[in-house]
């Protein structure tokens, strides 16, 4: 292949990849939401879990500028939620969400969607917060 044809082919491949990435990002719905703090509660609309017509997201990651770590809220049903501080109990690194589990990027500790340790080195479950539902809002008690 000639140099000019090679550069043209590579350029088109890069451009196509960039366009495809932009289109795919537009099709996904964000799982990041900003919560508001009211008294000692983080407030999140139940609608943050809506995904399309009748679908629901399994989880959302809620953050607020006043909090050092975000909270991952899992939805199990219309009335059952689990709110977990995304701070590893081993050495305090911020956790990452991978579907039904949270994982520590520092040392590999894994936790379930209920905050229970699955794999160490962490040996303590995650901090959980009580969740109440009122007027289509989730109230995550930060006490």
N, C-alpha and C. Protein backbone atom coordinates (compact mmCIF):
# COMPACT_ATOMS: atom_id res chain seq x y z
N UNK A 1 0.85 -1.17 0.00
CA UNK A 1 0.00 0.00 0.00
C UNK A 1 0.90 1.24 0.00
N UNK A 2 0.52 2.20 -0.79
CA UNK A 2 1.28 3.43 -0.85
C UNK A 2 1.06 4.25 0.41
N UNK A 3 2.03 5.07 0.73
CA UNK A 3 1.99 5.89 1.94
C UNK A 3 0.75 6.77 1.98
N UNK A 4 0.40 7.40 0.89
CA UNK A 4 -0.75 8.31 0.82
C UNK A 4 -2.06 7.55 1.09
N UNK A 5 -2.20 6.38 0.49
CA UNK A 5 -3.40 5.56 0.69
C UNK A 5 -3.48 5.07 2.13
N UNK A 6 -2.33 4.71 2.69
CA UNK A 6 -2.28 4.25 4.07
C UNK A 6 -2.74 5.36 5.04
N UNK A 7 -2.23 6.56 4.85
CA UNK A 7 -2.60 7.69 5.72
C UNK A 7 -4.08 8.00 5.57
N UNK A 8 -4.59 7.95 4.35
CA UNK A 8 -6.02 8.22 4.11
C UNK A 8 -6.88 7.16 4.81
N UNK A 9 -6.49 5.91 4.69
CA UNK A 9 -7.25 4.82 5.31
C UNK A 9 -7.24 4.95 6.84
N UNK A 10 -6.08 5.23 7.40
CA UNK A 10 -5.97 5.40 8.86
C UNK A 10 -6.78 6.60 9.34
N UNK A 11 -6.73 7.68 8.59
CA UNK A 11 -7.49 8.87 8.95
C UNK A 11 -8.99 8.61 8.96
N UNK A 12 -9.48 7.88 7.96
CA UNK A 12 -10.90 7.55 7.89
C UNK A 12 -11.29 6.62 9.04
N UNK A 13 -10.42 5.69 9.38
CA UNK A 13 -10.70 4.77 10.49
C UNK A 13 -10.80 5.54 11.81
N UNK A 14 -9.89 6.48 12.02
CA UNK A 14 -9.92 7.28 13.25
C UNK A 14 -11.17 8.14 13.32
N UNK A 15 -11.52 8.77 12.21
CA UNK A 15 -12.71 9.61 12.14
C UNK A 15 -13.96 8.79 12.39
N UNK A 16 -14.04 7.61 11.79
CA UNK A 16 -15.19 6.73 11.99
C UNK A 16 -15.32 6.30 13.45
N UNK A 17 -14.20 5.99 14.05
CA UNK A 17 -14.21 5.61 15.47
C UNK A 17 -14.69 6.73 16.36
N UNK A 18 -14.26 7.95 16.08
CA UNK A 18 -14.69 9.10 16.88
C UNK A 18 -16.18 9.35 16.73
N UNK A 19 -16.70 9.24 15.51
CA UNK A 19 -18.12 9.45 15.27
C UNK A 19 -18.93 8.35 15.95
N UNK A 20 -18.50 7.11 15.84
CA UNK A 20 -19.20 6.00 16.48
C UNK A 20 -19.23 6.16 18.00
N UNK A 21 -18.13 6.57 18.58
CA UNK A 21 -18.07 6.80 20.03
C UNK A 21 -19.05 7.88 20.44
N UNK A 22 -19.10 8.97 19.70
CA UNK A 22 -20.03 10.05 20.02
C UNK A 22 -21.48 9.59 19.92
N UNK A 23 -21.79 8.78 18.90
CA UNK A 23 -23.15 8.28 18.74
C UNK A 23 -23.51 7.33 19.88
N UNK A 24 -22.60 6.46 20.27
CA UNK A 24 -22.86 5.51 21.35
C UNK A 24 -23.07 6.23 22.67
N UNK A 25 -22.31 7.28 22.93
CA UNK A 25 -22.49 8.03 24.17
C UNK A 25 -23.85 8.69 24.21
N UNK A 26 -24.35 9.12 23.07
CA UNK A 26 -25.67 9.75 23.01
C UNK A 26 -26.78 8.76 23.28
N UNK A 27 -26.55 7.47 23.02
CA UNK A 27 -27.58 6.45 23.23
C UNK A 27 -27.64 5.95 24.67
N UNK A 28 -26.59 6.14 25.39
CA UNK A 28 -26.58 5.64 26.77
C UNK A 28 -27.17 6.67 27.70
N UNK A 29 -27.70 6.19 28.81
CA UNK A 29 -28.22 7.12 29.80
C UNK A 29 -27.26 7.16 30.97
N UNK A 30 -27.05 8.33 31.46
CA UNK A 30 -26.07 8.51 32.53
C UNK A 30 -26.54 7.86 33.82
N UNK A 31 -25.60 7.26 34.52
CA UNK A 31 -25.90 6.69 35.83
C UNK A 31 -25.34 7.58 36.92
N UNK A 32 -24.85 8.76 36.55
CA UNK A 32 -24.36 9.74 37.51
C UNK A 32 -25.44 10.80 37.74
N UNK A 33 -25.77 11.06 38.99
CA UNK A 33 -26.74 12.11 39.30
C UNK A 33 -26.21 12.95 40.46
N UNK A 34 -26.67 14.18 40.51
CA UNK A 34 -26.34 15.05 41.64
C UNK A 34 -27.49 15.01 42.61
N UNK A 35 -27.18 14.71 43.85
CA UNK A 35 -28.19 14.73 44.89
C UNK A 35 -28.16 16.05 45.62
N UNK A 36 -29.28 16.41 46.21
CA UNK A 36 -29.32 17.62 47.02
C UNK A 36 -29.34 17.21 48.48
N UNK A 37 -28.70 17.99 49.31
CA UNK A 37 -28.70 17.70 50.74
C UNK A 37 -29.71 18.59 51.42
N UNK A 38 -30.61 17.95 52.15
CA UNK A 38 -31.65 18.64 52.90
C UNK A 38 -31.60 18.12 54.33
N UNK A 39 -31.28 18.99 55.26
CA UNK A 39 -31.06 18.59 56.65
C UNK A 39 -29.96 17.52 56.69
N UNK A 40 -30.32 16.31 57.12
CA UNK A 40 -29.31 15.25 57.19
C UNK A 40 -29.59 14.16 56.15
N UNK A 41 -30.29 14.52 55.06
CA UNK A 41 -30.62 13.56 54.02
C UNK A 41 -30.07 14.01 52.67
N UNK A 42 -29.68 13.04 51.89
CA UNK A 42 -29.37 13.26 50.47
C UNK A 42 -30.66 12.91 49.73
N UNK A 43 -31.13 13.82 48.89
CA UNK A 43 -32.41 13.63 48.21
C UNK A 43 -32.15 13.40 46.72
N UNK A 44 -32.75 12.32 46.21
CA UNK A 44 -32.60 11.93 44.81
C UNK A 44 -33.99 11.60 44.26
N UNK A 45 -34.36 12.12 43.10
CA UNK A 45 -35.66 11.75 42.53
C UNK A 45 -35.68 10.29 42.10
N UNK A 46 -36.79 9.62 42.33
CA UNK A 46 -36.95 8.23 41.90
C UNK A 46 -36.79 8.15 40.38
N UNK A 47 -37.13 9.21 39.69
CA UNK A 47 -37.02 9.24 38.22
C UNK A 47 -35.58 9.07 37.74
N UNK A 48 -34.60 9.24 38.60
CA UNK A 48 -33.19 9.03 38.22
C UNK A 48 -32.95 7.59 37.80
N UNK A 49 -33.84 6.68 38.20
CA UNK A 49 -33.69 5.26 37.87
C UNK A 49 -34.43 4.88 36.59
N UNK A 50 -35.18 5.81 36.01
CA UNK A 50 -35.91 5.49 34.78
C UNK A 50 -34.95 5.38 33.61
N UNK A 51 -35.22 4.41 32.77
CA UNK A 51 -34.35 4.14 31.62
C UNK A 51 -35.26 3.76 30.45
N UNK A 52 -35.61 4.71 29.64
CA UNK A 52 -36.51 4.43 28.52
C UNK A 52 -37.95 4.39 28.97
N UNK A 53 -38.78 3.67 28.21
CA UNK A 53 -40.21 3.66 28.49
C UNK A 53 -40.55 2.98 29.82
N UNK A 54 -40.24 1.70 29.92
CA UNK A 54 -40.61 0.94 31.12
C UNK A 54 -39.41 0.36 31.85
N UNK A 55 -38.21 0.63 31.37
CA UNK A 55 -37.03 0.06 31.98
C UNK A 55 -36.53 0.87 33.16
N UNK A 56 -35.75 0.23 33.99
CA UNK A 56 -35.15 0.89 35.14
C UNK A 56 -33.68 0.56 35.21
N UNK A 57 -32.90 1.52 35.62
CA UNK A 57 -31.48 1.29 35.87
C UNK A 57 -31.35 0.47 37.14
N UNK A 58 -30.31 -0.35 37.21
CA UNK A 58 -30.05 -1.13 38.43
C UNK A 58 -29.48 -0.25 39.53
N UNK A 59 -28.76 0.78 39.12
CA UNK A 59 -28.11 1.63 40.11
C UNK A 59 -27.88 3.02 39.54
N UNK A 60 -27.67 3.98 40.44
CA UNK A 60 -27.18 5.31 40.09
C UNK A 60 -26.11 5.68 41.10
N UNK A 61 -25.17 6.49 40.66
CA UNK A 61 -24.12 7.00 41.54
C UNK A 61 -24.48 8.45 41.84
N UNK A 62 -24.67 8.73 43.13
CA UNK A 62 -25.11 10.05 43.57
C UNK A 62 -23.94 10.80 44.20
N UNK A 63 -23.74 12.01 43.76
CA UNK A 63 -22.66 12.82 44.34
C UNK A 63 -23.20 14.19 44.73
N UNK A 64 -22.45 14.85 45.58
CA UNK A 64 -22.75 16.20 46.02
C UNK A 64 -21.41 16.82 46.42
N UNK A 65 -21.24 18.10 46.12
CA UNK A 65 -19.98 18.78 46.40
C UNK A 65 -19.59 18.75 47.88
N UNK A 66 -20.56 18.59 48.76
CA UNK A 66 -20.28 18.59 50.20
C UNK A 66 -19.78 17.23 50.70
N UNK A 67 -19.83 16.23 49.84
CA UNK A 67 -19.40 14.89 50.25
C UNK A 67 -18.12 14.49 49.54
N UNK A 68 -17.21 13.90 50.28
CA UNK A 68 -15.92 13.49 49.70
C UNK A 68 -16.09 12.29 48.76
N UNK A 69 -16.98 11.36 49.12
CA UNK A 69 -17.21 10.16 48.32
C UNK A 69 -18.66 10.12 47.84
N UNK A 70 -18.88 9.59 46.64
CA UNK A 70 -20.26 9.43 46.18
C UNK A 70 -20.93 8.26 46.88
N UNK A 71 -22.22 8.15 46.65
CA UNK A 71 -23.03 7.05 47.18
C UNK A 71 -23.60 6.30 46.00
N UNK A 72 -23.47 4.99 46.00
CA UNK A 72 -24.07 4.15 44.96
C UNK A 72 -25.40 3.65 45.51
N UNK A 73 -26.47 3.93 44.77
CA UNK A 73 -27.80 3.49 45.18
C UNK A 73 -28.27 2.41 44.21
N UNK A 74 -28.48 1.21 44.72
CA UNK A 74 -29.00 0.10 43.92
C UNK A 74 -30.50 0.02 44.09
N UNK A 75 -31.18 -0.26 42.99
CA UNK A 75 -32.65 -0.44 43.00
C UNK A 75 -32.93 -1.92 42.82
N UNK A 76 -33.62 -2.52 43.81
CA UNK A 76 -34.00 -3.92 43.73
C UNK A 76 -35.47 -4.09 43.35
N UNK A 77 -36.29 -3.11 43.72
CA UNK A 77 -37.71 -3.09 43.36
C UNK A 77 -38.21 -1.66 43.55
N UNK A 78 -39.51 -1.45 43.34
CA UNK A 78 -40.07 -0.11 43.52
C UNK A 78 -39.92 0.41 44.95
N UNK A 79 -39.77 -0.51 45.88
CA UNK A 79 -39.72 -0.10 47.29
C UNK A 79 -38.43 -0.49 48.01
N UNK A 80 -37.53 -1.17 47.32
CA UNK A 80 -36.30 -1.62 47.98
C UNK A 80 -35.06 -1.06 47.29
N UNK A 81 -34.29 -0.30 48.07
CA UNK A 81 -33.06 0.31 47.58
C UNK A 81 -31.95 0.06 48.59
N UNK A 82 -30.71 0.10 48.11
CA UNK A 82 -29.54 -0.04 48.97
C UNK A 82 -28.61 1.12 48.65
N UNK A 83 -28.23 1.90 49.66
CA UNK A 83 -27.34 3.04 49.47
C UNK A 83 -26.01 2.75 50.15
N UNK A 84 -24.92 2.81 49.37
CA UNK A 84 -23.59 2.42 49.85
C UNK A 84 -22.58 3.53 49.63
N UNK A 85 -21.80 3.84 50.65
CA UNK A 85 -20.71 4.80 50.49
C UNK A 85 -19.63 4.16 49.64
N UNK A 86 -19.22 4.85 48.59
CA UNK A 86 -18.25 4.29 47.65
C UNK A 86 -16.81 4.53 48.12
N UNK A 87 -16.55 4.14 49.35
CA UNK A 87 -15.23 4.26 49.96
C UNK A 87 -14.82 2.88 50.44
N UNK A 88 -13.70 2.38 49.92
CA UNK A 88 -13.23 1.06 50.31
C UNK A 88 -12.87 1.05 51.79
N UNK A 89 -13.27 -0.01 52.47
CA UNK A 89 -13.01 -0.13 53.91
C UNK A 89 -11.59 -0.60 54.19
N UNK A 90 -10.82 -0.90 53.16
CA UNK A 90 -9.44 -1.33 53.35
C UNK A 90 -8.53 -0.12 53.57
N UNK A 91 -8.42 0.75 52.56
CA UNK A 91 -7.56 1.92 52.70
C UNK A 91 -8.20 3.21 52.18
N UNK A 92 -9.50 3.19 51.95
CA UNK A 92 -10.21 4.42 51.65
C UNK A 92 -10.25 4.88 50.20
N UNK A 93 -9.86 4.04 49.26
CA UNK A 93 -9.92 4.43 47.85
C UNK A 93 -11.38 4.48 47.39
N UNK A 94 -11.66 5.34 46.41
CA UNK A 94 -13.02 5.42 45.88
C UNK A 94 -13.29 4.20 45.01
N UNK A 95 -14.43 3.58 45.24
CA UNK A 95 -14.80 2.36 44.53
C UNK A 95 -15.33 2.66 43.13
N UNK A 96 -15.32 1.65 42.29
CA UNK A 96 -15.90 1.71 40.96
C UNK A 96 -17.03 0.70 40.89
N UNK A 97 -18.06 1.03 40.11
CA UNK A 97 -19.22 0.15 39.99
C UNK A 97 -19.11 -0.67 38.72
N UNK A 98 -19.33 -1.97 38.86
CA UNK A 98 -19.36 -2.89 37.74
C UNK A 98 -20.63 -3.73 37.86
N UNK A 99 -21.75 -3.15 37.45
CA UNK A 99 -23.03 -3.86 37.52
C UNK A 99 -23.45 -4.11 38.96
N UNK A 100 -23.50 -5.38 39.34
CA UNK A 100 -23.97 -5.76 40.68
C UNK A 100 -22.87 -5.78 41.74
N UNK A 101 -21.71 -5.25 41.42
CA UNK A 101 -20.63 -5.25 42.41
C UNK A 101 -19.86 -3.94 42.35
N UNK A 102 -19.20 -3.65 43.46
CA UNK A 102 -18.30 -2.50 43.53
C UNK A 102 -16.90 -3.04 43.74
N UNK A 103 -15.93 -2.40 43.09
CA UNK A 103 -14.56 -2.90 43.16
C UNK A 103 -13.60 -1.76 43.48
N UNK A 104 -12.60 -2.08 44.29
CA UNK A 104 -11.57 -1.11 44.63
C UNK A 104 -10.45 -1.17 43.60
N UNK A 105 -10.16 -0.04 42.95
CA UNK A 105 -9.10 -0.05 41.95
C UNK A 105 -7.70 -0.16 42.56
N UNK A 106 -7.56 0.12 43.85
CA UNK A 106 -6.24 0.10 44.48
C UNK A 106 -5.73 -1.31 44.75
N UNK A 107 -6.57 -2.14 45.38
CA UNK A 107 -6.10 -3.47 45.79
C UNK A 107 -7.05 -4.60 45.43
N UNK A 108 -8.15 -4.28 44.71
CA UNK A 108 -9.02 -5.33 44.19
C UNK A 108 -10.12 -5.83 45.10
N UNK A 109 -10.35 -5.20 46.25
CA UNK A 109 -11.45 -5.65 47.10
C UNK A 109 -12.76 -5.54 46.33
N UNK A 110 -13.67 -6.48 46.57
CA UNK A 110 -14.96 -6.47 45.90
C UNK A 110 -16.08 -6.54 46.92
N UNK A 111 -17.19 -5.83 46.60
CA UNK A 111 -18.35 -5.77 47.48
C UNK A 111 -19.61 -6.02 46.66
N UNK A 112 -20.62 -6.60 47.30
CA UNK A 112 -21.89 -6.86 46.62
C UNK A 112 -22.72 -5.57 46.56
N UNK A 113 -23.85 -5.66 45.90
CA UNK A 113 -24.77 -4.52 45.80
C UNK A 113 -25.44 -4.20 47.14
N UNK A 114 -25.21 -5.03 48.14
CA UNK A 114 -25.70 -4.76 49.49
C UNK A 114 -24.55 -4.30 50.39
N UNK A 115 -23.32 -4.18 49.83
CA UNK A 115 -22.18 -3.68 50.58
C UNK A 115 -21.38 -4.74 51.32
N UNK A 116 -21.64 -6.00 51.05
CA UNK A 116 -20.97 -7.09 51.75
C UNK A 116 -19.66 -7.43 51.04
N UNK A 117 -18.59 -7.60 51.82
CA UNK A 117 -17.28 -7.95 51.25
C UNK A 117 -17.36 -9.32 50.58
N UNK A 118 -16.89 -9.38 49.34
CA UNK A 118 -16.80 -10.65 48.62
C UNK A 118 -15.36 -11.12 48.52
N UNK A 119 -14.45 -10.19 48.27
CA UNK A 119 -13.02 -10.51 48.16
C UNK A 119 -12.23 -9.41 48.83
N UNK A 120 -11.16 -9.81 49.56
CA UNK A 120 -10.30 -8.86 50.25
C UNK A 120 -9.27 -8.25 49.34
N UNK A 121 -8.45 -7.44 49.93
CA UNK A 121 -8.02 -7.43 51.32
C UNK A 121 -8.98 -6.76 52.32
N UNK A 122 -10.00 -6.04 51.84
CA UNK A 122 -10.96 -5.45 52.79
C UNK A 122 -11.62 -6.58 53.59
N UNK A 123 -11.84 -6.33 54.88
CA UNK A 123 -12.51 -7.33 55.71
C UNK A 123 -13.73 -6.77 56.44
N UNK A 124 -14.12 -5.55 56.07
CA UNK A 124 -15.27 -4.90 56.67
C UNK A 124 -16.24 -4.50 55.56
N UNK A 125 -17.53 -4.71 55.80
CA UNK A 125 -18.55 -4.33 54.83
C UNK A 125 -18.58 -2.82 54.65
N UNK A 126 -19.17 -2.38 53.54
CA UNK A 126 -19.29 -0.95 53.26
C UNK A 126 -20.29 -0.28 54.19
N UNK A 127 -20.12 1.02 54.37
CA UNK A 127 -21.09 1.80 55.14
C UNK A 127 -22.37 1.89 54.31
N UNK A 128 -23.48 1.58 54.93
CA UNK A 128 -24.78 1.67 54.27
C UNK A 128 -25.59 2.79 54.90
N UNK A 129 -26.56 3.29 54.15
CA UNK A 129 -27.43 4.36 54.62
C UNK A 129 -28.88 3.92 54.47
N UNK A 130 -29.71 4.23 55.46
CA UNK A 130 -31.15 3.94 55.31
C UNK A 130 -31.74 4.79 54.18
N UNK A 131 -32.67 4.18 53.44
CA UNK A 131 -33.33 4.89 52.34
C UNK A 131 -34.83 4.87 52.59
N UNK A 132 -35.45 6.05 52.50
CA UNK A 132 -36.91 6.17 52.61
C UNK A 132 -37.43 6.79 51.32
N UNK A 133 -38.66 6.41 50.95
CA UNK A 133 -39.29 6.94 49.74
C UNK A 133 -40.49 7.78 50.15
N UNK A 134 -40.52 9.01 49.62
CA UNK A 134 -41.62 9.90 49.94
C UNK A 134 -41.82 10.87 48.78
N UNK A 135 -43.04 10.94 48.26
CA UNK A 135 -43.37 11.86 47.16
C UNK A 135 -42.42 11.72 45.97
N UNK A 136 -42.19 10.48 45.54
CA UNK A 136 -41.31 10.19 44.40
C UNK A 136 -39.87 10.70 44.58
N UNK A 137 -39.44 10.76 45.83
CA UNK A 137 -38.06 11.15 46.16
C UNK A 137 -37.47 10.07 47.06
N UNK A 138 -36.19 9.80 46.85
CA UNK A 138 -35.46 8.92 47.77
C UNK A 138 -34.76 9.82 48.78
N UNK A 139 -34.91 9.50 50.04
CA UNK A 139 -34.23 10.23 51.12
C UNK A 139 -33.21 9.27 51.72
N UNK A 140 -31.95 9.57 51.47
CA UNK A 140 -30.85 8.76 51.98
C UNK A 140 -30.35 9.42 53.24
N UNK A 141 -30.57 8.78 54.38
CA UNK A 141 -30.19 9.35 55.67
C UNK A 141 -28.67 9.30 55.84
N UNK A 142 -28.05 10.46 56.00
CA UNK A 142 -26.60 10.54 56.13
C UNK A 142 -26.13 10.52 57.58
N UNK A 143 -27.03 10.33 58.50
CA UNK A 143 -26.67 10.31 59.93
C UNK A 143 -25.78 9.15 60.25
